[in-house]
């Protein structure tokens, strides 16, 4: 018999491990960028575009550049935000 525990029953150290994992930190950073994109596009268009539309649009337009900038930042130990770096790169390339 398999016994599944609810999140409330998980040991707190297990939850803390997940919160500290690099995969979870990357998820949170990417989610934050999607929410920024949602806000900017909603402001530009004058109505709330919703998370799903923002997600799909961000993936199509920005994800690759954001991830590349994030990898570069992590490798160099820089302090520039990936969002700002991607925006600078877009201006340089005219994308």
PDB file of N, CA and C in Angstrom:
ATOM      1  N   UNK A   1       0.830  -1.172   0.000  1.00  0.00           N
ATOM      2  CA  UNK A   1       0.000   0.000   0.000  1.00  0.00           C
ATOM      3  C   UNK A   1       0.878   1.240   0.000  1.00  0.00           C
ATOM      4  N   UNK A   2       0.560   2.191  -0.886  1.00  0.00           N
ATOM      5  CA  UNK A   2       1.318   3.425  -0.977  1.00  0.00           C
ATOM      6  C   UNK A   2       0.635   4.475  -0.120  1.00  0.00           C
ATOM      7  N   UNK A   3       1.405   5.091   0.721  1.00  0.00           N
ATOM      8  CA  UNK A   3       0.871   6.125   1.596  1.00  0.00           C
ATOM      9  C   UNK A   3       1.336   7.479   1.082  1.00  0.00           C
ATOM     10  N   UNK A   4       0.413   8.288   0.661  1.00  0.00           N
ATOM     11  CA  UNK A   4       0.762   9.620   0.169  1.00  0.00           C
ATOM     12  C   UNK A   4       0.491  10.631   1.272  1.00  0.00           C
ATOM     13  N   UNK A   5       1.417  11.549   1.418  1.00  0.00           N
ATOM     14  CA  UNK A   5       1.238  12.574   2.445  1.00  0.00           C
ATOM     15  C   UNK A   5       0.803  13.869   1.792  1.00  0.00           C
ATOM     16  N   UNK A   6       0.028  14.617   2.497  1.00  0.00           N
ATOM     17  CA  UNK A   6      -0.371  15.934   2.008  1.00  0.00           C
ATOM     18  C   UNK A   6       0.772  16.902   2.268  1.00  0.00           C
ATOM     19  N   UNK A   7       0.795  18.037   1.568  1.00  0.00           N
ATOM     20  CA  UNK A   7       1.864  19.012   1.803  1.00  0.00           C
ATOM     21  C   UNK A   7       1.964  19.444   3.260  1.00  0.00           C
ATOM     22  N   UNK A   8       0.841  19.460   3.965  1.00  0.00           N
ATOM     23  CA  UNK A   8       0.865  19.862   5.377  1.00  0.00           C
ATOM     24  C   UNK A   8       1.607  18.844   6.233  1.00  0.00           C
ATOM     25  N   UNK A   9       1.677  17.580   5.759  1.00  0.00           N
ATOM     26  CA  UNK A   9       2.341  16.540   6.531  1.00  0.00           C
ATOM     27  C   UNK A   9       3.816  16.383   6.166  1.00  0.00           C
ATOM     28  N   UNK A  10       4.268  17.043   5.100  1.00  0.00           N
ATOM     29  CA  UNK A  10       5.672  16.936   4.718  1.00  0.00           C
ATOM     30  C   UNK A  10       6.538  17.584   5.783  1.00  0.00           C
ATOM     31  N   UNK A  11       7.708  17.021   5.995  1.00  0.00           N
ATOM     32  CA  UNK A  11       8.621  17.655   6.946  1.00  0.00           C
ATOM     33  C   UNK A  11       9.021  19.041   6.442  1.00  0.00           C
ATOM     34  N   UNK A  12       9.145  19.985   7.336  1.00  0.00           N
ATOM     35  CA  UNK A  12       9.466  21.355   6.940  1.00  0.00           C
ATOM     36  C   UNK A  12      10.810  21.423   6.229  1.00  0.00           C
ATOM     37  N   UNK A  13      11.754  20.556   6.577  1.00  0.00           N
ATOM     38  CA  UNK A  13      13.054  20.587   5.911  1.00  0.00           C
ATOM     39  C   UNK A  13      12.939  20.180   4.445  1.00  0.00           C
ATOM     40  N   UNK A  14      11.958  19.354   4.113  1.00  0.00           N
ATOM     41  CA  UNK A  14      11.719  18.972   2.730  1.00  0.00           C
ATOM     42  C   UNK A  14      11.202  20.170   1.936  1.00  0.00           C
ATOM     43  N   UNK A  15      10.275  20.912   2.504  1.00  0.00           N
ATOM     44  CA  UNK A  15       9.756  22.110   1.841  1.00  0.00           C
ATOM     45  C   UNK A  15      10.847  23.154   1.672  1.00  0.00           C
ATOM     46  N   UNK A  16      11.679  23.305   2.695  1.00  0.00           N
ATOM     47  CA  UNK A  16      12.774  24.273   2.615  1.00  0.00           C
ATOM     48  C   UNK A  16      13.778  23.872   1.541  1.00  0.00           C
ATOM     49  N   UNK A  17      14.027  22.578   1.405  1.00  0.00           N
ATOM     50  CA  UNK A  17      14.935  22.087   0.371  1.00  0.00           C
ATOM     51  C   UNK A  17      14.413  22.473  -1.011  1.00  0.00           C
ATOM     52  N   UNK A  18      13.116  22.289  -1.226  1.00  0.00           N
ATOM     53  CA  UNK A  18      12.506  22.633  -2.513  1.00  0.00           C
ATOM     54  C   UNK A  18      12.632  24.128  -2.746  1.00  0.00           C
ATOM     55  N   UNK A  19      12.332  24.943  -1.757  1.00  0.00           N
ATOM     56  CA  UNK A  19      12.408  26.394  -1.905  1.00  0.00           C
ATOM     57  C   UNK A  19      13.824  26.861  -2.221  1.00  0.00           C
ATOM     58  N   UNK A  20      14.811  26.141  -1.736  1.00  0.00           N
ATOM     59  CA  UNK A  20      16.197  26.530  -1.959  1.00  0.00           C
ATOM     60  C   UNK A  20      16.788  25.929  -3.233  1.00  0.00           C
ATOM     61  N   UNK A  21      16.070  25.021  -3.879  1.00  0.00           N
ATOM     62  CA  UNK A  21      16.617  24.357  -5.063  1.00  0.00           C
ATOM     63  C   UNK A  21      16.766  25.340  -6.217  1.00  0.00           C
ATOM     64  N   UNK A  22      17.775  25.144  -7.021  1.00  0.00           N
ATOM     65  CA  UNK A  22      18.009  26.040  -8.147  1.00  0.00           C
ATOM     66  C   UNK A  22      16.881  25.939  -9.173  1.00  0.00           C
ATOM     67  N   UNK A  23      16.307  24.763  -9.335  1.00  0.00           N
ATOM     68  CA  UNK A  23      15.207  24.598 -10.280  1.00  0.00           C
ATOM     69  C   UNK A  23      14.002  25.453  -9.864  1.00  0.00           C
ATOM     70  N   UNK A  24      13.683  25.435  -8.590  1.00  0.00           N
ATOM     71  CA  UNK A  24      12.566  26.243  -8.091  1.00  0.00           C
ATOM     72  C   UNK A  24      12.879  27.730  -8.216  1.00  0.00           C
ATOM     73  N   UNK A  25      14.106  28.105  -7.936  1.00  0.00           N
ATOM     74  CA  UNK A  25      14.506  29.508  -8.061  1.00  0.00           C
ATOM     75  C   UNK A  25      14.397  29.973  -9.511  1.00  0.00           C
ATOM     76  N   UNK A  26      14.765  29.121 -10.456  1.00  0.00           N
ATOM     77  CA  UNK A  26      14.622  29.456 -11.876  1.00  0.00           C
ATOM     78  C   UNK A  26      13.154  29.599 -12.255  1.00  0.00           C
ATOM     79  N   UNK A  27      12.325  28.703 -11.749  1.00  0.00           N
ATOM     80  CA  UNK A  27      10.884  28.781 -11.995  1.00  0.00           C
ATOM     81  C   UNK A  27      10.332  30.117 -11.508  1.00  0.00           C
ATOM     82  N   UNK A  28      10.703  30.510 -10.285  1.00  0.00           N
ATOM     83  CA  UNK A  28      10.211  31.767  -9.730  1.00  0.00           C
ATOM     84  C   UNK A  28      10.686  32.965 -10.542  1.00  0.00           C
ATOM     85  N   UNK A  29      11.942  32.942 -10.969  1.00  0.00           N
ATOM     86  CA  UNK A  29      12.479  34.050 -11.759  1.00  0.00           C
ATOM     87  C   UNK A  29      11.763  34.152 -13.106  1.00  0.00           C
ATOM     88  N   UNK A  30      11.527  33.019 -13.752  1.00  0.00           N
ATOM     89  CA  UNK A  30      10.835  33.020 -15.037  1.00  0.00           C
ATOM     90  C   UNK A  30       9.387  33.486 -14.860  1.00  0.00           C
ATOM     91  N   UNK A  31       8.737  33.030 -13.825  1.00  0.00           N
ATOM     92  CA  UNK A  31       7.358  33.448 -13.548  1.00  0.00           C
ATOM     93  C   UNK A  31       7.291  34.954 -13.338  1.00  0.00           C
ATOM     94  N   UNK A  32       8.257  35.500 -12.631  1.00  0.00           N
ATOM     95  CA  UNK A  32       8.298  36.945 -12.398  1.00  0.00           C
ATOM     96  C   UNK A  32       8.425  37.708 -13.720  1.00  0.00           C
ATOM     97  N   UNK A  33       9.229  37.210 -14.633  1.00  0.00           N
ATOM     98  CA  UNK A  33       9.373  37.852 -15.936  1.00  0.00           C
ATOM     99  C   UNK A  33       8.076  37.790 -16.733  1.00  0.00           C
ATOM    100  N   UNK A  34       7.375  36.680 -16.647  1.00  0.00           N
ATOM    101  CA  UNK A  34       6.092  36.536 -17.343  1.00  0.00           C
ATOM    102  C   UNK A  34       5.081  37.522 -16.770  1.00  0.00           C
ATOM    103  N   UNK A  35       5.070  37.667 -15.457  1.00  0.00           N
ATOM    104  CA  UNK A  35       4.152  38.625 -14.828  1.00  0.00           C
ATOM    105  C   UNK A  35       4.491  40.066 -15.219  1.00  0.00           C
ATOM    106  N   UNK A  36       5.783  40.383 -15.347  1.00  0.00           N
ATOM    107  CA  UNK A  36       6.183  41.709 -15.821  1.00  0.00           C
ATOM    108  C   UNK A  36       5.688  41.926 -17.245  1.00  0.00           C
ATOM    109  N   UNK A  37       5.859  40.913 -18.081  1.00  0.00           N
ATOM    110  CA  UNK A  37       5.412  40.995 -19.467  1.00  0.00           C
ATOM    111  C   UNK A  37       3.893  41.180 -19.523  1.00  0.00           C
ATOM    112  N   UNK A  38       3.182  40.453 -18.698  1.00  0.00           N
ATOM    113  CA  UNK A  38       1.719  40.572 -18.631  1.00  0.00           C
ATOM    114  C   UNK A  38       1.323  41.993 -18.273  1.00  0.00           C
ATOM    115  N   UNK A  39       1.980  42.562 -17.295  1.00  0.00           N
ATOM    116  CA  UNK A  39       1.672  43.918 -16.867  1.00  0.00           C
ATOM    117  C   UNK A  39       1.965  44.918 -17.982  1.00  0.00           C
ATOM    118  N   UNK A  40       3.138  44.816 -18.595  1.00  0.00           N
ATOM    119  CA  UNK A  40       3.515  45.751 -19.657  1.00  0.00           C
ATOM    120  C   UNK A  40       2.569  45.667 -20.855  1.00  0.00           C
ATOM    121  N   UNK A  41       2.264  44.454 -21.284  1.00  0.00           N
ATOM    122  CA  UNK A  41       1.378  44.284 -22.434  1.00  0.00           C
ATOM    123  C   UNK A  41      -0.049  44.718 -22.105  1.00  0.00           C
ATOM    124  N   UNK A  42      -0.493  44.449 -20.902  1.00  0.00           N
ATOM    125  CA  UNK A  42      -1.832  44.879 -20.484  1.00  0.00           C
ATOM    126  C   UNK A  42      -1.914  46.403 -20.460  1.00  0.00           C
ATOM    127  N   UNK A  43      -0.879  47.055 -19.974  1.00  0.00           N
ATOM    128  CA  UNK A  43      -0.837  48.523 -19.961  1.00  0.00           C
ATOM    129  C   UNK A  43      -0.835  49.070 -21.383  1.00  0.00           C
ATOM    130  N   UNK A  44      -0.042  48.450 -22.236  1.00  0.00           N
ATOM    131  CA  UNK A  44       0.061  48.905 -23.621  1.00  0.00           C
ATOM    132  C   UNK A  44      -1.268  48.778 -24.351  1.00  0.00           C
ATOM    133  N   UNK A  45      -1.970  47.670 -24.134  1.00  0.00           N
ATOM    134  CA  UNK A  45      -3.221  47.412 -24.836  1.00  0.00           C
ATOM    135  C   UNK A  45      -4.444  48.022 -24.152  1.00  0.00           C
ATOM    136  N   UNK A  46      -4.298  48.359 -22.878  1.00  0.00           N
ATOM    137  CA  UNK A  46      -5.399  48.993 -22.168  1.00  0.00           C
ATOM    138  C   UNK A  46      -6.376  48.032 -21.521  1.00  0.00           C
ATOM    139  N   UNK A  47      -6.018  46.754 -21.463  1.00  0.00           N
ATOM    140  CA  UNK A  47      -6.865  45.772 -20.770  1.00  0.00           C
ATOM    141  C   UNK A  47      -5.994  44.604 -20.326  1.00  0.00           C
ATOM    142  N   UNK A  48      -6.483  43.861 -19.344  1.00  0.00           N
ATOM    143  CA  UNK A  48      -5.751  42.717 -18.801  1.00  0.00           C
ATOM    144  C   UNK A  48      -5.740  41.586 -19.832  1.00  0.00           C
ATOM    145  N   UNK A  49      -4.546  41.208 -20.291  1.00  0.00           N
ATOM    146  CA  UNK A  49      -4.450  40.167 -21.318  1.00  0.00           C
ATOM    147  C   UNK A  49      -4.514  38.765 -20.726  1.00  0.00           C
ATOM    148  N   UNK A  50      -4.400  38.639 -19.416  1.00  0.00           N
ATOM    149  CA  UNK A  50      -4.459  37.338 -18.760  1.00  0.00           C
ATOM    150  C   UNK A  50      -3.117  36.629 -18.766  1.00  0.00           C
ATOM    151  N   UNK A  51      -2.959  35.724 -17.820  1.00  0.00           N
ATOM    152  CA  UNK A  51      -1.672  35.051 -17.653  1.00  0.00           C
ATOM    153  C   UNK A  51      -1.348  34.131 -18.828  1.00  0.00           C
ATOM    154  N   UNK A  52      -2.325  33.376 -19.306  1.00  0.00           N
ATOM    155  CA  UNK A  52      -2.044  32.419 -20.371  1.00  0.00           C
ATOM    156  C   UNK A  52      -1.551  33.110 -21.642  1.00  0.00           C
ATOM    157  N   UNK A  53      -2.214  34.179 -22.029  1.00  0.00           N
ATOM    158  CA  UNK A  53      -1.779  34.902 -23.228  1.00  0.00           C
ATOM    159  C   UNK A  53      -0.393  35.501 -23.012  1.00  0.00           C
ATOM    160  N   UNK A  54      -0.155  36.069 -21.827  1.00  0.00           N
ATOM    161  CA  UNK A  54       1.152  36.638 -21.513  1.00  0.00           C
ATOM    162  C   UNK A  54       2.225  35.557 -21.544  1.00  0.00           C
ATOM    163  N   UNK A  55       1.921  34.399 -20.997  1.00  0.00           N
ATOM    164  CA  UNK A  55       2.865  33.286 -20.983  1.00  0.00           C
ATOM    165  C   UNK A  55       3.250  32.885 -22.396  1.00  0.00           C
ATOM    166  N   UNK A  56       2.257  32.653 -23.239  1.00  0.00           N
ATOM    167  CA  UNK A  56       2.534  32.219 -24.607  1.00  0.00           C
ATOM    168  C   UNK A  56       3.291  33.283 -25.394  1.00  0.00           C
ATOM    169  N   UNK A  57       2.910  34.537 -25.226  1.00  0.00           N
ATOM    170  CA  UNK A  57       3.583  35.636 -25.917  1.00  0.00           C
ATOM    171  C   UNK A  57       5.022  35.776 -25.445  1.00  0.00           C
ATOM    172  N   UNK A  58       5.235  35.684 -24.136  1.00  0.00           N
ATOM    173  CA  UNK A  58       6.580  35.814 -23.575  1.00  0.00           C
ATOM    174  C   UNK A  58       7.468  34.672 -24.049  1.00  0.00           C
ATOM    175  N   UNK A  59       6.928  33.451 -24.059  1.00  0.00           N
ATOM    176  CA  UNK A  59       7.707  32.297 -24.521  1.00  0.00           C
ATOM    177  C   UNK A  59       8.137  32.522 -25.963  1.00  0.00           C
ATOM    178  N   UNK A  60       7.199  32.959 -26.790  1.00  0.00           N
ATOM    179  CA  UNK A  60       7.471  33.143 -28.212  1.00  0.00           C
ATOM    180  C   UNK A  60       8.470  34.274 -28.459  1.00  0.00           C
ATOM    181  N   UNK A  61       8.362  35.364 -27.724  1.00  0.00           N
ATOM    182  CA  UNK A  61       9.162  36.555 -27.999  1.00  0.00           C
ATOM    183  C   UNK A  61      10.421  36.709 -27.158  1.00  0.00           C
ATOM    184  N   UNK A  62      10.394  36.224 -25.907  1.00  0.00           N
ATOM    185  CA  UNK A  62      11.461  36.612 -24.980  1.00  0.00           C
ATOM    186  C   UNK A  62      12.194  35.474 -24.273  1.00  0.00           C
ATOM    187  N   UNK A  63      11.611  34.288 -24.200  1.00  0.00           N
ATOM    188  CA  UNK A  63      12.169  33.245 -23.347  1.00  0.00           C
ATOM    189  C   UNK A  63      13.609  32.886 -23.709  1.00  0.00           C
ATOM    190  N   UNK A  64      13.868  32.670 -24.984  1.00  0.00           N
ATOM    191  CA  UNK A  64      15.210  32.252 -25.388  1.00  0.00           C
ATOM    192  C   UNK A  64      16.263  33.284 -24.995  1.00  0.00           C
ATOM    193  N   UNK A  65      15.996  34.549 -25.293  1.00  0.00           N
ATOM    194  CA  UNK A  65      16.938  35.609 -24.941  1.00  0.00           C
ATOM    195  C   UNK A  65      17.088  35.772 -23.441  1.00  0.00           C
ATOM    196  N   UNK A  66      15.969  35.646 -22.720  1.00  0.00           N
ATOM    197  CA  UNK A  66      16.023  35.780 -21.268  1.00  0.00           C
ATOM    198  C   UNK A  66      16.870  34.679 -20.654  1.00  0.00           C
ATOM    199  N   UNK A  67      16.657  33.461 -21.121  1.00  0.00           N
ATOM    200  CA  UNK A  67      17.436  32.335 -20.584  1.00  0.00           C
ATOM    201  C   UNK A  67      18.915  32.472 -20.908  1.00  0.00           C
ATOM    202  N   UNK A  68      19.227  32.908 -22.123  1.00  0.00           N
ATOM    203  CA  UNK A  68      20.633  33.101 -22.504  1.00  0.00           C
ATOM    204  C   UNK A  68      21.279  34.165 -21.627  1.00  0.00           C
ATOM    205  N   UNK A  69      20.563  35.266 -21.411  1.00  0.00           N
ATOM    206  CA  UNK A  69      21.078  36.333 -20.555  1.00  0.00           C
ATOM    207  C   UNK A  69      21.241  35.851 -19.126  1.00  0.00           C
ATOM    208  N   UNK A  70      20.311  35.048 -18.658  1.00  0.00           N
ATOM    209  CA  UNK A  70      20.385  34.514 -17.293  1.00  0.00           C
ATOM    210  C   UNK A  70      21.585  33.585 -17.138  1.00  0.00           C
ATOM    211  N   UNK A  71      21.807  32.720 -18.136  1.00  0.00           N
ATOM    212  CA  UNK A  71      22.980  31.836 -18.084  1.00  0.00           C
ATOM    213  C   UNK A  71      24.262  32.654 -18.068  1.00  0.00           C
ATOM    214  N   UNK A  72      24.321  33.669 -18.928  1.00  0.00           N
ATOM    215  CA  UNK A  72      25.511  34.512 -18.979  1.00  0.00           C
ATOM    216  C   UNK A  72      25.722  35.226 -17.651  1.00  0.00           C
ATOM    217  N   UNK A  73      24.641  35.747 -17.085  1.00  0.00           N
ATOM    218  CA  UNK A  73      24.725  36.430 -15.801  1.00  0.00           C
ATOM    219  C   UNK A  73      25.239  35.476 -14.724  1.00  0.00           C
ATOM    220  N   UNK A  74      24.714  34.250 -14.694  1.00  0.00           N
ATOM    221  CA  UNK A  74      25.137  33.273 -13.690  1.00  0.00           C
ATOM    222  C   UNK A  74      26.584  32.875 -13.880  1.00  0.00           C
ATOM    223  N   UNK A  75      27.025  32.771 -15.122  1.00  0.00           N
ATOM    224  CA  UNK A  75      28.417  32.406 -15.393  1.00  0.00           C
ATOM    225  C   UNK A  75      29.382  33.527 -15.037  1.00  0.00           C
ATOM    226  N   UNK A  76      28.954  34.764 -15.218  1.00  0.00           N
ATOM    227  CA  UNK A  76      29.819  35.909 -14.952  1.00  0.00           C
ATOM    228  C   UNK A  76      29.652  36.467 -13.549  1.00  0.00           C
ATOM    229  N   UNK A  77      28.572  36.065 -12.881  1.00  0.00           N
ATOM    230  CA  UNK A  77      28.311  36.588 -11.547  1.00  0.00           C
ATOM    231  C   UNK A  77      27.904  38.044 -11.584  1.00  0.00           C
ATOM    232  N   UNK A  78      27.299  38.467 -12.699  1.00  0.00           N
ATOM    233  CA  UNK A  78      26.907  39.862 -12.880  1.00  0.00           C
ATOM    234  C   UNK A  78      25.686  40.226 -12.073  1.00  0.00           C
ATOM    235  N   UNK A  79      25.386  41.526 -12.077  1.00  0.00           N
ATOM    236  CA  UNK A  79      24.242  41.988 -11.304  1.00  0.00           C
ATOM    237  C   UNK A  79      23.118  42.529 -12.174  1.00  0.00           C
ATOM    238  N   UNK A  80      23.299  42.583 -13.501  1.00  0.00           N
ATOM    239  CA  UNK A  80      22.239  43.071 -14.377  1.00  0.00           C
ATOM    240  C   UNK A  80      21.101  42.061 -14.417  1.00  0.00           C
ATOM    241  N   UNK A  81      19.888  42.555 -14.493  1.00  0.00           N
ATOM    242  CA  UNK A  81      18.756  41.644 -14.553  1.00  0.00           C
ATOM    243  C   UNK A  81      18.645  41.062 -15.947  1.00  0.00           C
ATOM    244  N   UNK A  82      18.230  39.812 -16.083  1.00  0.00           N
ATOM    245  CA  UNK A  82      18.084  39.204 -17.396  1.00  0.00           C
ATOM    246  C   UNK A  82      17.085  39.958 -18.260  1.00  0.00           C
ATOM    247  N   UNK A  83      16.033  40.504 -17.650  1.00  0.00           N
ATOM    248  CA  UNK A  83      15.020  41.242 -18.398  1.00  0.00           C
ATOM    249  C   UNK A  83      15.644  42.454 -19.061  1.00  0.00           C
ATOM    250  N   UNK A  84      16.436  43.194 -18.299  1.00  0.00           N
ATOM    251  CA  UNK A  84      17.083  44.389 -18.837  1.00  0.00           C
ATOM    252  C   UNK A  84      18.101  44.012 -19.902  1.00  0.00           C
ATOM    253  N   UNK A  85      18.862  42.951 -19.675  1.00  0.00           N
ATOM    254  CA  UNK A  85      19.856  42.507 -20.634  1.00  0.00           C
ATOM    255  C   UNK A  85      19.202  42.092 -21.938  1.00  0.00           C
ATOM    256  N   UNK A  86      18.087  41.375 -21.861  1.00  0.00           N
ATOM    257  CA  UNK A  86      17.378  40.954 -23.061  1.00  0.00           C
ATOM    258  C   UNK A  86      16.849  42.158 -23.818  1.00  0.00           C
ATOM    259  N   UNK A  87      16.374  43.169 -23.110  1.00  0.00           N
ATOM    260  CA  UNK A  87      15.856  44.367 -23.763  1.00  0.00           C
ATOM    261  C   UNK A  87      16.971  45.096 -24.492  1.00  0.00           C
ATOM    262  N   UNK A  88      18.149  45.171 -23.897  1.00  0.00           N
ATOM    263  CA  UNK A  88      19.291  45.803 -24.542  1.00  0.00           C
ATOM    264  C   UNK A  88      19.678  45.037 -25.797  1.00  0.00           C
ATOM    265  N   UNK A  89      19.711  43.704 -25.712  1.00  0.00           N
ATOM    266  CA  UNK A  89      20.051  42.888 -26.858  1.00  0.00           C
ATOM    267  C   UNK A  89      19.042  43.061 -27.990  1.00  0.00           C
ATOM    268  N   UNK A  90      17.763  43.208 -27.653  1.00  0.00           N
ATOM    269  CA  UNK A  90      16.727  43.410 -28.675  1.00  0.00           C
ATOM    270  C   UNK A  90      16.943  44.725 -29.390  1.00  0.00           C
ATOM    271  N   UNK A  91      17.325  45.776 -28.645  1.00  0.00           N
ATOM    272  CA  UNK A  91      17.565  47.071 -29.262  1.00  0.00           C
ATOM    273  C   UNK A  91      18.759  47.001 -30.206  1.00  0.00           C
ATOM    274  N   UNK A  92      19.791  46.260 -29.814  1.00  0.00           N
ATOM    275  CA  UNK A  92      20.993  46.138 -30.645  1.00  0.00           C
ATOM    276  C   UNK A  92      20.692  45.408 -31.949  1.00  0.00           C
ATOM    277  N   UNK A  93      19.895  44.344 -31.858  1.00  0.00           N
ATOM    278  CA  UNK A  93      19.621  43.525 -33.032  1.00  0.00           C
ATOM    279  C   UNK A  93      18.406  44.015 -33.814  1.00  0.00           C
ATOM    280  N   UNK A  94      17.626  44.912 -33.232  1.00  0.00           N
ATOM    281  CA  UNK A  94      16.438  45.422 -33.894  1.00  0.00           C
ATOM    282  C   UNK A  94      15.271  44.465 -33.871  1.00  0.00           C
ATOM    283  N   UNK A  95      15.290  43.475 -32.962  1.00  0.00           N
ATOM    284  CA  UNK A  95      14.199  42.495 -32.862  1.00  0.00           C
ATOM    285  C   UNK A  95      12.968  43.090 -32.259  1.00  0.00           C
TER     286      UNK A  95
END
